[in-house]
Amino acid sequence: IDHFLGSTTTLETFAQSQYPELGNFVQASYEVQQAAYDPDKKRTRVVLRRDGLIMHNATEHPVRLTKCFDMDHRDMRMDVSYTLHNMSTQVLDLWLGVELNLTLLAGDDRLRYYRFPGFPDHELLMNSRAAFGNIEAFSMVDEWSGMELCLDTKPSAGVWLLPLETVARSENGFECSYQHSTLLLHRKLYLKPHEHLTQSFKLSVVLSDGKKETV
């Protein structure tokens, strides 16, 4: 899910869905530019594009967002590139946020946690809420399954973590039930008229023996 955040957005307001959304990309459809599968290399490429609008200084400006997904089915890796193109004649200060919703099935199991550089293992469980800045790589570890989902971003980006929970009535009253984890990778951008910038991500699965997952 692709966000363009207002300058007053915080982790708390984002978690409560009470933040300013300046683009019209969140619930919009994208045009498929390419969808191809290479049976020899076991790779799939999907390219999506949307020409949308961004509110900047109380005026809407045209912006093109192109997303390219390269999926390697042998190595269980996905390379993603976002290209943002300022189609207007004005300089744009943008705050791009890419939302991922993933789950390791349990929110408070100490065998399932986030791994960030310099941060102790087993401290950030899947139901954690936290904010990090200038991150190049982190991962989601599932010791019970013996796997690790690694995420890399280039250039570095800020990362917000928060759980998505539903409220249900039980014999003990209302209780929160963990559904999945929301990850927001965000970066502030400065685009001159007709300039474009690229943000890249990589997702890969590694087994506990250090080998990449294969199919």
C-alpha atoms as a PDB file:
ATOM      1  CA  ILE A   1       0.000   0.000   0.000  1.00  0.00           C
ATOM      2  CA  ASP A   2       1.533   3.297  -1.111  1.00  0.00           C
ATOM      3  CA  HIS A   3       1.161   6.361   1.114  1.00  0.00           C
ATOM      4  CA  PHE A   4       2.129  10.004   0.759  1.00  0.00           C
ATOM      5  CA  LEU A   5       2.146  11.251   4.329  1.00  0.00           C
ATOM      6  CA  GLY A   6       1.506  14.726   5.615  1.00  0.00           C
ATOM      7  CA  SER A   7       4.303  16.425   7.570  1.00  0.00           C
ATOM      8  CA  THR A   8       2.445  16.054  10.902  1.00  0.00           C
ATOM      9  CA  THR A   9       2.193  12.266  10.666  1.00  0.00           C
ATOM     10  CA  THR A  10       3.570  10.256  13.589  1.00  0.00           C
ATOM     11  CA  LEU A  11       3.665   6.570  14.384  1.00  0.00           C
ATOM     12  CA  GLU A  12       0.743   7.050  16.768  1.00  0.00           C
ATOM     13  CA  THR A  13      -1.463   8.951  14.326  1.00  0.00           C
ATOM     14  CA  PHE A  14      -0.636   6.454  11.577  1.00  0.00           C
ATOM     15  CA  ALA A  15      -1.590   3.567  13.875  1.00  0.00           C
ATOM     16  CA  GLN A  16      -4.920   5.276  14.586  1.00  0.00           C
ATOM     17  CA  SER A  17      -5.544   6.144  10.903  1.00  0.00           C
ATOM     18  CA  GLN A  18      -5.782   9.817  11.915  1.00  0.00           C
ATOM     19  CA  TYR A  19      -3.003  11.229   9.765  1.00  0.00           C
ATOM     20  CA  PRO A  20      -3.096  13.395   6.596  1.00  0.00           C
ATOM     21  CA  GLU A  21      -2.908  11.326   3.388  1.00  0.00           C
ATOM     22  CA  LEU A  22      -1.781  13.677   0.588  1.00  0.00           C
ATOM     23  CA  GLY A  23      -1.932  11.282  -2.376  1.00  0.00           C
ATOM     24  CA  ASN A  24      -4.684   9.299  -4.064  1.00  0.00           C
ATOM     25  CA  PHE A  25      -2.760   6.034  -4.290  1.00  0.00           C
ATOM     26  CA  VAL A  26      -3.917   4.065  -1.231  1.00  0.00           C
ATOM     27  CA  GLN A  27      -7.120   2.550  -2.614  1.00  0.00           C
ATOM     28  CA  ALA A  28      -6.431   3.205  -6.286  1.00  0.00           C
ATOM     29  CA  SER A  29      -5.835   0.686  -9.046  1.00  0.00           C
ATOM     30  CA  TYR A  30      -2.574   0.453 -11.000  1.00  0.00           C
ATOM     31  CA  GLU A  31      -2.141  -0.218 -14.696  1.00  0.00           C
ATOM     32  CA  VAL A  32      -0.238  -3.401 -15.548  1.00  0.00           C
ATOM     33  CA  GLN A  33       2.673  -2.445 -17.809  1.00  0.00           C
ATOM     34  CA  GLN A  34       4.291  -5.875 -17.950  1.00  0.00           C
ATOM     35  CA  ALA A  35       3.627  -9.368 -16.612  1.00  0.00           C
ATOM     36  CA  ALA A  36       6.039 -12.062 -17.760  1.00  0.00           C
ATOM     37  CA  TYR A  37       7.336 -15.423 -16.569  1.00  0.00           C
ATOM     38  CA  ASP A  38      10.662 -16.950 -17.626  1.00  0.00           C
ATOM     39  CA  PRO A  39      10.337 -20.755 -17.178  1.00  0.00           C
ATOM     40  CA  ASP A  40      14.059 -21.360 -17.671  1.00  0.00           C
ATOM     41  CA  LYS A  41      15.193 -18.924 -14.986  1.00  0.00           C
ATOM     42  CA  LYS A  42      12.081 -19.449 -12.826  1.00  0.00           C
ATOM     43  CA  ARG A  43      11.582 -15.704 -12.606  1.00  0.00           C
ATOM     44  CA  THR A  44       8.493 -13.522 -12.822  1.00  0.00           C
ATOM     45  CA  ARG A  45       8.432  -9.806 -13.551  1.00  0.00           C
ATOM     46  CA  VAL A  46       5.424  -7.575 -12.922  1.00  0.00           C
ATOM     47  CA  VAL A  47       5.497  -3.830 -13.625  1.00  0.00           C
ATOM     48  CA  LEU A  48       2.677  -1.598 -12.368  1.00  0.00           C
ATOM     49  CA  ARG A  49       2.116   2.107 -12.969  1.00  0.00           C
ATOM     50  CA  ARG A  50      -0.245   4.750 -11.688  1.00  0.00           C
ATOM     51  CA  ASP A  51      -0.565   8.392 -12.684  1.00  0.00           C
ATOM     52  CA  GLY A  52      -1.978  10.057  -9.606  1.00  0.00           C
ATOM     53  CA  LEU A  53      -2.148  13.346  -7.745  1.00  0.00           C
ATOM     54  CA  ILE A  54      -0.301  14.701  -4.715  1.00  0.00           C
ATOM     55  CA  MET A  55      -1.530  17.617  -2.607  1.00  0.00           C
ATOM     56  CA  HIS A  56       1.326  20.078  -2.071  1.00  0.00           C
ATOM     57  CA  ASN A  57       0.896  23.647  -0.794  1.00  0.00           C
ATOM     58  CA  ALA A  58      -2.890  23.316  -1.127  1.00  0.00           C
ATOM     59  CA  THR A  59      -2.591  22.424  -4.824  1.00  0.00           C
ATOM     60  CA  GLU A  60      -2.785  19.038  -6.558  1.00  0.00           C
ATOM     61  CA  HIS A  61       0.202  18.035  -8.681  1.00  0.00           C
ATOM     62  CA  PRO A  62       0.536  15.072 -11.083  1.00  0.00           C
ATOM     63  CA  VAL A  63       2.901  12.291 -10.022  1.00  0.00           C
ATOM     64  CA  ARG A  64       3.675   8.966 -11.682  1.00  0.00           C
ATOM     65  CA  LEU A  65       4.577   5.951  -9.563  1.00  0.00           C
ATOM     66  CA  THR A  66       6.013   2.862 -11.255  1.00  0.00           C
ATOM     67  CA  LYS A  67       6.590  -0.358  -9.305  1.00  0.00           C
ATOM     68  CA  CYS A  68       8.653  -3.233 -10.675  1.00  0.00           C
ATOM     69  CA  PHE A  69       8.561  -6.648  -8.956  1.00  0.00           C
ATOM     70  CA  ASP A  70      11.181  -9.258  -9.923  1.00  0.00           C
ATOM     71  CA  MET A  71      10.449 -12.596  -8.245  1.00  0.00           C
ATOM     72  CA  ASP A  72      13.020 -15.382  -8.173  1.00  0.00           C
ATOM     73  CA  HIS A  73      11.122 -18.604  -7.448  1.00  0.00           C
ATOM     74  CA  ARG A  74      14.272 -20.683  -6.928  1.00  0.00           C
ATOM     75  CA  ASP A  75      15.837 -18.467  -4.265  1.00  0.00           C
ATOM     76  CA  MET A  76      12.556 -17.178  -2.786  1.00  0.00           C
ATOM     77  CA  ARG A  77      13.644 -13.595  -3.352  1.00  0.00           C
ATOM     78  CA  MET A  78      11.751 -10.554  -4.567  1.00  0.00           C
ATOM     79  CA  ASP A  79      13.475  -7.398  -5.793  1.00  0.00           C
ATOM     80  CA  VAL A  80      11.248  -4.335  -5.883  1.00  0.00           C
ATOM     81  CA  SER A  81      11.966  -0.916  -7.332  1.00  0.00           C
ATOM     82  CA  TYR A  82       9.776   2.166  -6.926  1.00  0.00           C
ATOM     83  CA  THR A  83      10.296   5.018  -9.393  1.00  0.00           C
ATOM     84  CA  LEU A  84       8.588   8.272  -8.506  1.00  0.00           C
ATOM     85  CA  HIS A  85       8.326  10.848 -11.287  1.00  0.00           C
ATOM     86  CA  ASN A  86       7.333  14.468 -10.674  1.00  0.00           C
ATOM     87  CA  MET A  87       5.132  15.247 -13.676  1.00  0.00           C
ATOM     88  CA  SER A  88       4.471  18.836 -12.592  1.00  0.00           C
ATOM     89  CA  THR A  89       6.317  22.121 -13.060  1.00  0.00           C
ATOM     90  CA  GLN A  90       6.701  22.620  -9.302  1.00  0.00           C
ATOM     91  CA  VAL A  91       9.262  21.403  -6.788  1.00  0.00           C
ATOM     92  CA  LEU A  92       7.656  18.751  -4.553  1.00  0.00           C
ATOM     93  CA  ASP A  93       8.573  17.803  -0.983  1.00  0.00           C
ATOM     94  CA  LEU A  94       7.125  14.319  -0.541  1.00  0.00           C
ATOM     95  CA  TRP A  95       7.049  11.728   2.202  1.00  0.00           C
ATOM     96  CA  LEU A  96       6.659   8.306   0.642  1.00  0.00           C
ATOM     97  CA  GLY A  97       5.537   5.419   2.830  1.00  0.00           C
ATOM     98  CA  VAL A  98       5.387   1.823   1.600  1.00  0.00           C
ATOM     99  CA  GLU A  99       3.174  -0.334   3.809  1.00  0.00           C
ATOM    100  CA  LEU A 100       3.707  -4.099   4.094  1.00  0.00           C
ATOM    101  CA  ASN A 101       1.412  -6.377   6.089  1.00  0.00           C
ATOM    102  CA  LEU A 102       3.085  -9.646   7.086  1.00  0.00           C
ATOM    103  CA  THR A 103       2.565 -12.248   9.767  1.00  0.00           C
ATOM    104  CA  LEU A 104       4.544 -14.938  11.579  1.00  0.00           C
ATOM    105  CA  LEU A 105       1.248 -16.110  13.113  1.00  0.00           C
ATOM    106  CA  ALA A 106       1.928 -15.198  16.760  1.00  0.00           C
ATOM    107  CA  GLY A 107       2.234 -11.741  18.264  1.00  0.00           C
ATOM    108  CA  ASP A 108       3.727 -12.539  21.679  1.00  0.00           C
ATOM    109  CA  ASP A 109       5.770 -15.701  21.031  1.00  0.00           C
ATOM    110  CA  ARG A 110       9.428 -15.103  21.963  1.00  0.00           C
ATOM    111  CA  LEU A 111      10.481 -17.422  19.135  1.00  0.00           C
ATOM    112  CA  ARG A 112       9.106 -14.933  16.616  1.00  0.00           C
ATOM    113  CA  TYR A 113      10.605 -11.456  16.628  1.00  0.00           C
ATOM    114  CA  TYR A 114      12.162  -8.592  14.650  1.00  0.00           C
ATOM    115  CA  ARG A 115      15.935  -8.407  14.254  1.00  0.00           C
ATOM    116  CA  PHE A 116      17.370  -4.905  13.886  1.00  0.00           C
ATOM    117  CA  PRO A 117      21.085  -3.955  13.872  1.00  0.00           C
ATOM    118  CA  GLY A 118      22.305  -3.276  17.409  1.00  0.00           C
ATOM    119  CA  PHE A 119      19.048  -4.386  19.021  1.00  0.00           C
ATOM    120  CA  PRO A 120      18.868  -7.517  21.245  1.00  0.00           C
ATOM    121  CA  ASP A 121      17.113 -10.565  19.823  1.00  0.00           C
ATOM    122  CA  HIS A 122      13.790 -11.653  21.380  1.00  0.00           C
ATOM    123  CA  GLU A 123      13.026  -8.074  22.504  1.00  0.00           C
ATOM    124  CA  LEU A 124      10.886  -6.878  19.598  1.00  0.00           C
ATOM    125  CA  LEU A 125       8.068  -9.386  19.278  1.00  0.00           C
ATOM    126  CA  MET A 126       5.566  -9.339  16.424  1.00  0.00           C
ATOM    127  CA  ASN A 127       3.072  -7.285  18.441  1.00  0.00           C
ATOM    128  CA  SER A 128       5.663  -4.550  19.138  1.00  0.00           C
ATOM    129  CA  ARG A 129       5.206  -0.904  18.227  1.00  0.00           C
ATOM    130  CA  ALA A 130       8.493   0.853  17.448  1.00  0.00           C
ATOM    131  CA  ALA A 131      10.168   3.388  15.148  1.00  0.00           C
ATOM    132  CA  PHE A 132      13.641   3.233  13.581  1.00  0.00           C
ATOM    133  CA  GLY A 133      15.471   5.681  11.331  1.00  0.00           C
ATOM    134  CA  ASN A 134      18.019   5.250   8.530  1.00  0.00           C
ATOM    135  CA  ILE A 135      17.723   1.472   8.306  1.00  0.00           C
ATOM    136  CA  GLU A 136      19.353  -0.440   5.458  1.00  0.00           C
ATOM    137  CA  ALA A 137      18.371  -3.968   6.488  1.00  0.00           C
ATOM    138  CA  PHE A 138      16.339  -5.817   9.113  1.00  0.00           C
ATOM    139  CA  SER A 139      14.478  -9.095   9.365  1.00  0.00           C
ATOM    140  CA  MET A 140      11.604 -11.045  10.883  1.00  0.00           C
ATOM    141  CA  VAL A 141      12.819 -14.219  12.602  1.00  0.00           C
ATOM    142  CA  ASP A 142      10.780 -17.358  13.171  1.00  0.00           C
ATOM    143  CA  GLU A 143      12.915 -19.715  15.260  1.00  0.00           C
ATOM    144  CA  TRP A 144      10.059 -22.198  15.575  1.00  0.00           C
ATOM    145  CA  SER A 145       9.921 -22.654  11.781  1.00  0.00           C
ATOM    146  CA  GLY A 146      13.674 -22.165  11.331  1.00  0.00           C
ATOM    147  CA  MET A 147      13.421 -19.314   8.871  1.00  0.00           C
ATOM    148  CA  GLU A 148      14.131 -15.596   8.596  1.00  0.00           C
ATOM    149  CA  LEU A 149      12.480 -13.056   6.310  1.00  0.00           C
ATOM    150  CA  CYS A 150      15.091 -10.433   5.393  1.00  0.00           C
ATOM    151  CA  LEU A 151      14.228  -6.974   4.123  1.00  0.00           C
ATOM    152  CA  ASP A 152      16.775  -4.637   2.571  1.00  0.00           C
ATOM    153  CA  THR A 153      16.181  -1.071   1.427  1.00  0.00           C
ATOM    154  CA  LYS A 154      18.347   1.183  -0.728  1.00  0.00           C
ATOM    155  CA  PRO A 155      18.775   4.050  -0.008  1.00  0.00           C
ATOM    156  CA  SER A 156      18.185   3.650   3.726  1.00  0.00           C
ATOM    157  CA  ALA A 157      14.716   4.411   5.047  1.00  0.00           C
ATOM    158  CA  GLY A 158      12.825   4.879   8.276  1.00  0.00           C
ATOM    159  CA  VAL A 159      10.814   1.910   9.539  1.00  0.00           C
ATOM    160  CA  TRP A 160       7.670   1.923  11.686  1.00  0.00           C
ATOM    161  CA  LEU A 161       6.381  -1.294  13.263  1.00  0.00           C
ATOM    162  CA  LEU A 162       2.917  -1.848  14.667  1.00  0.00           C
ATOM    163  CA  PRO A 163       0.543  -4.777  15.139  1.00  0.00           C
ATOM    164  CA  LEU A 164      -2.902  -5.004  13.595  1.00  0.00           C
ATOM    165  CA  GLU A 165      -5.252  -6.363  16.217  1.00  0.00           C
ATOM    166  CA  THR A 166      -8.970  -7.057  16.287  1.00  0.00           C
ATOM    167  CA  VAL A 167     -11.169  -6.708  19.358  1.00  0.00           C
ATOM    168  CA  ALA A 168     -13.472  -9.575  20.303  1.00  0.00           C
ATOM    169  CA  ARG A 169     -15.703 -10.339  23.277  1.00  0.00           C
ATOM    170  CA  SER A 170     -14.741 -13.329  25.417  1.00  0.00           C
ATOM    171  CA  GLU A 171     -15.705 -14.742  28.804  1.00  0.00           C
ATOM    172  CA  ASN A 172     -13.212 -12.297  30.328  1.00  0.00           C
ATOM    173  CA  GLY A 173     -14.591  -9.279  28.473  1.00  0.00           C
ATOM    174  CA  PHE A 174     -13.064  -7.591  25.424  1.00  0.00           C
ATOM    175  CA  GLU A 175      -9.706  -8.894  24.249  1.00  0.00           C
ATOM    176  CA  CYS A 176      -7.296  -7.913  21.467  1.00  0.00           C
ATOM    177  CA  SER A 177      -6.315 -10.634  19.035  1.00  0.00           C
ATOM    178  CA  TYR A 178      -3.167 -10.306  16.921  1.00  0.00           C
ATOM    179  CA  GLN A 179      -3.767 -10.628  13.173  1.00  0.00           C
ATOM    180  CA  HIS A 180      -0.540  -9.473  11.522  1.00  0.00           C
ATOM    181  CA  SER A 181       2.260  -6.934  11.683  1.00  0.00           C
ATOM    182  CA  THR A 182       2.225  -3.691   9.723  1.00  0.00           C
ATOM    183  CA  LEU A 183       5.587  -2.392   8.518  1.00  0.00           C
ATOM    184  CA  LEU A 184       5.904   1.091   7.047  1.00  0.00           C
ATOM    185  CA  LEU A 185       9.133   1.842   5.198  1.00  0.00           C
ATOM    186  CA  HIS A 186       9.228   5.596   4.665  1.00  0.00           C
ATOM    187  CA  ARG A 187      11.524   8.193   3.126  1.00  0.00           C
ATOM    188  CA  LYS A 188      11.267  11.938   2.533  1.00  0.00           C
ATOM    189  CA  LEU A 189      11.947  13.001  -1.048  1.00  0.00           C
ATOM    190  CA  TYR A 190      12.695  16.279  -2.813  1.00  0.00           C
ATOM    191  CA  LEU A 191      11.813  16.229  -6.503  1.00  0.00           C
ATOM    192  CA  LYS A 192      12.483  18.997  -8.970  1.00  0.00           C
ATOM    193  CA  PRO A 193      10.075  19.507 -11.894  1.00  0.00           C
ATOM    194  CA  HIS A 194      10.060  16.408 -14.149  1.00  0.00           C
ATOM    195  CA  GLU A 195      12.717  14.749 -11.987  1.00  0.00           C
ATOM    196  CA  HIS A 196      12.445  11.094 -10.936  1.00  0.00           C
ATOM    197  CA  LEU A 197      13.905   9.133  -8.028  1.00  0.00           C
ATOM    198  CA  THR A 198      14.105   5.420  -7.289  1.00  0.00           C
ATOM    199  CA  GLN A 199      13.700   3.479  -4.047  1.00  0.00           C
ATOM    200  CA  SER A 200      14.618  -0.204  -4.009  1.00  0.00           C
ATOM    201  CA  PHE A 201      13.659  -3.051  -1.693  1.00  0.00           C
ATOM    202  CA  LYS A 202      14.590  -6.706  -1.460  1.00  0.00           C
ATOM    203  CA  LEU A 203      12.746  -9.464   0.381  1.00  0.00           C
ATOM    204  CA  SER A 204      14.340 -12.887   0.789  1.00  0.00           C
ATOM    205  CA  VAL A 205      13.806 -15.999   2.885  1.00  0.00           C
ATOM    206  CA  VAL A 206      16.782 -17.643   4.626  1.00  0.00           C
ATOM    207  CA  LEU A 207      16.723 -20.935   6.517  1.00  0.00           C
ATOM    208  CA  SER A 208      18.318 -21.260   9.939  1.00  0.00           C
ATOM    209  CA  ASP A 209      21.250 -23.190   8.425  1.00  0.00           C
ATOM    210  CA  GLY A 210      22.130 -20.112   6.379  1.00  0.00           C
ATOM    211  CA  LYS A 211      20.842 -21.512   3.099  1.00  0.00           C
ATOM    212  CA  LYS A 212      18.234 -19.706   1.037  1.00  0.00           C
ATOM    213  CA  GLU A 213      14.842 -21.324   0.752  1.00  0.00           C
ATOM    214  CA  THR A 214      14.281 -22.995  -2.606  1.00  0.00           C
ATOM    215  CA  VAL A 215      11.259 -24.419  -4.356  1.00  0.00           C
END
